[in-house]
């Protein structure tokens, strides 16, 4: 009985984490596509940063919601969960805005995650 309960809890936790990871990959891939479009257009860094901040809002919101849900199910308050999830989404965005100049100068492109 205990083994079945443990397996059920572990499966549930794994599914929750998978939702958060899936939404993170979706947001990252959207930013990858956005980056490639702007790299092909040779968009300046400032304009790209603005476009990236304003783009992929559905994917960003889905990532934040999934991570917030995950954190709250592990005992975080709503405020803590929201803060953590927003920081994680900001980190994904920052990696693209910080890396854009390198891609632009080297004429390379980011690659989607699978």
Protein backbone atom coordinates (compact mmCIF):
# COMPACT_ATOMS: atom_id res chain seq x y z
CA UNK A 1 0.00 0.00 0.00
CA UNK A 2 2.78 2.42 0.96
CA UNK A 3 4.68 1.54 -2.21
CA UNK A 4 1.65 2.36 -4.36
CA UNK A 5 1.17 5.69 -2.60
CA UNK A 6 4.86 6.52 -3.04
CA UNK A 7 4.73 5.67 -6.73
CA UNK A 8 1.60 7.78 -7.19
CA UNK A 9 3.18 10.76 -5.44
CA UNK A 10 6.40 10.41 -7.39
CA UNK A 11 4.48 10.15 -10.67
CA UNK A 12 2.47 13.23 -9.79
CA UNK A 13 5.59 15.23 -8.89
CA UNK A 14 7.28 14.10 -12.10
CA UNK A 15 4.25 15.16 -14.19
CA UNK A 16 4.19 18.58 -12.51
CA UNK A 17 7.91 19.10 -13.14
CA UNK A 18 7.44 17.93 -16.73
CA UNK A 19 4.77 20.58 -17.28
CA UNK A 20 7.10 23.29 -15.99
CA UNK A 21 9.98 21.99 -18.12
CA UNK A 22 7.79 21.64 -21.21
CA UNK A 23 6.59 25.22 -20.84
CA UNK A 24 10.17 26.45 -20.32
CA UNK A 25 11.27 24.71 -23.52
CA UNK A 26 8.29 26.18 -25.38
CA UNK A 27 9.22 29.70 -24.22
CA UNK A 28 12.86 29.15 -25.10
CA UNK A 29 11.97 27.84 -28.55
CA UNK A 30 9.70 30.81 -29.21
CA UNK A 31 12.55 33.15 -28.28
CA UNK A 32 14.86 31.12 -30.52
CA UNK A 33 12.52 31.68 -33.49
CA UNK A 34 12.21 35.36 -32.63
CA UNK A 35 15.99 35.67 -32.38
CA UNK A 36 16.56 34.00 -35.74
CA UNK A 37 14.04 36.33 -37.40
CA UNK A 38 15.78 39.39 -35.96
CA UNK A 39 19.25 38.05 -36.71
CA UNK A 40 18.23 37.54 -40.34
CA UNK A 41 16.98 41.14 -40.40
CA UNK A 42 20.17 42.31 -38.66
CA UNK A 43 18.08 44.09 -36.02
CA UNK A 44 20.09 46.25 -33.61
CA UNK A 45 20.55 44.97 -30.05
CA UNK A 46 18.27 47.56 -28.45
CA UNK A 47 15.44 46.90 -30.87
CA UNK A 48 15.85 43.16 -30.41
CA UNK A 49 15.78 43.49 -26.62
CA UNK A 50 12.48 45.38 -26.86
CA UNK A 51 11.04 42.84 -29.32
CA UNK A 52 12.11 39.91 -27.15
CA UNK A 53 10.63 41.51 -24.03
CA UNK A 54 7.32 42.08 -25.81
CA UNK A 55 7.29 38.82 -27.77
CA UNK A 56 6.34 35.27 -26.79
CA UNK A 57 3.96 36.47 -24.09
CA UNK A 58 1.70 33.41 -24.26
CA UNK A 59 4.67 31.06 -23.83
CA UNK A 60 6.14 33.21 -21.04
CA UNK A 61 2.82 33.33 -19.18
CA UNK A 62 2.41 29.56 -19.56
CA UNK A 63 5.89 28.99 -18.16
CA UNK A 64 5.25 31.26 -15.19
CA UNK A 65 1.89 29.61 -14.50
CA UNK A 66 3.33 26.08 -14.63
CA UNK A 67 6.30 26.94 -12.44
CA UNK A 68 4.09 28.83 -9.99
CA UNK A 69 1.76 25.84 -9.71
CA UNK A 70 4.74 23.55 -9.21
CA UNK A 71 6.20 25.72 -6.45
CA UNK A 72 2.87 26.10 -4.65
CA UNK A 73 2.33 22.34 -4.67
CA UNK A 74 5.66 22.00 -2.89
CA UNK A 75 4.61 24.42 -0.16
CA UNK A 76 5.66 27.87 -1.35
CA UNK A 77 3.32 30.78 -0.75
CA UNK A 78 1.69 32.35 -3.79
CA UNK A 79 3.97 35.37 -3.50
CA UNK A 80 7.12 33.21 -3.26
CA UNK A 81 5.98 30.98 -6.12
CA UNK A 82 5.17 33.95 -8.35
CA UNK A 83 8.52 35.58 -7.60
CA UNK A 84 10.46 32.40 -8.30
CA UNK A 85 8.57 31.66 -11.53
CA UNK A 86 9.00 35.22 -12.78
CA UNK A 87 12.74 35.13 -12.00
CA UNK A 88 13.07 31.89 -13.97
CA UNK A 89 11.24 33.37 -16.98
CA UNK A 90 13.37 36.51 -16.75
CA UNK A 91 16.48 34.31 -16.74
CA UNK A 92 15.42 32.61 -19.98
CA UNK A 93 14.76 36.02 -21.57
CA UNK A 94 18.08 37.40 -20.33
CA UNK A 95 20.02 34.54 -21.88
CA UNK A 96 18.60 35.48 -25.27
CA UNK A 97 18.99 39.25 -24.96
CA UNK A 98 22.55 38.87 -23.63
CA UNK A 99 23.51 36.34 -26.30
CA UNK A 100 22.03 38.23 -29.24
CA UNK A 101 25.11 40.40 -29.89
CA UNK A 102 27.33 37.33 -30.03
CA UNK A 103 25.08 35.64 -32.57
CA UNK A 104 24.88 38.85 -34.59
CA UNK A 105 28.65 39.40 -34.68
CA UNK A 106 29.48 35.76 -35.45
CA UNK A 107 26.63 35.30 -37.94
CA UNK A 108 25.46 32.20 -36.05
CA UNK A 109 22.00 31.21 -34.86
CA UNK A 110 20.57 29.73 -31.66
CA UNK A 111 19.16 26.21 -31.90
CA UNK A 112 15.78 25.03 -30.65
CA UNK A 113 15.57 22.60 -27.75
CA UNK A 114 13.78 19.32 -28.17
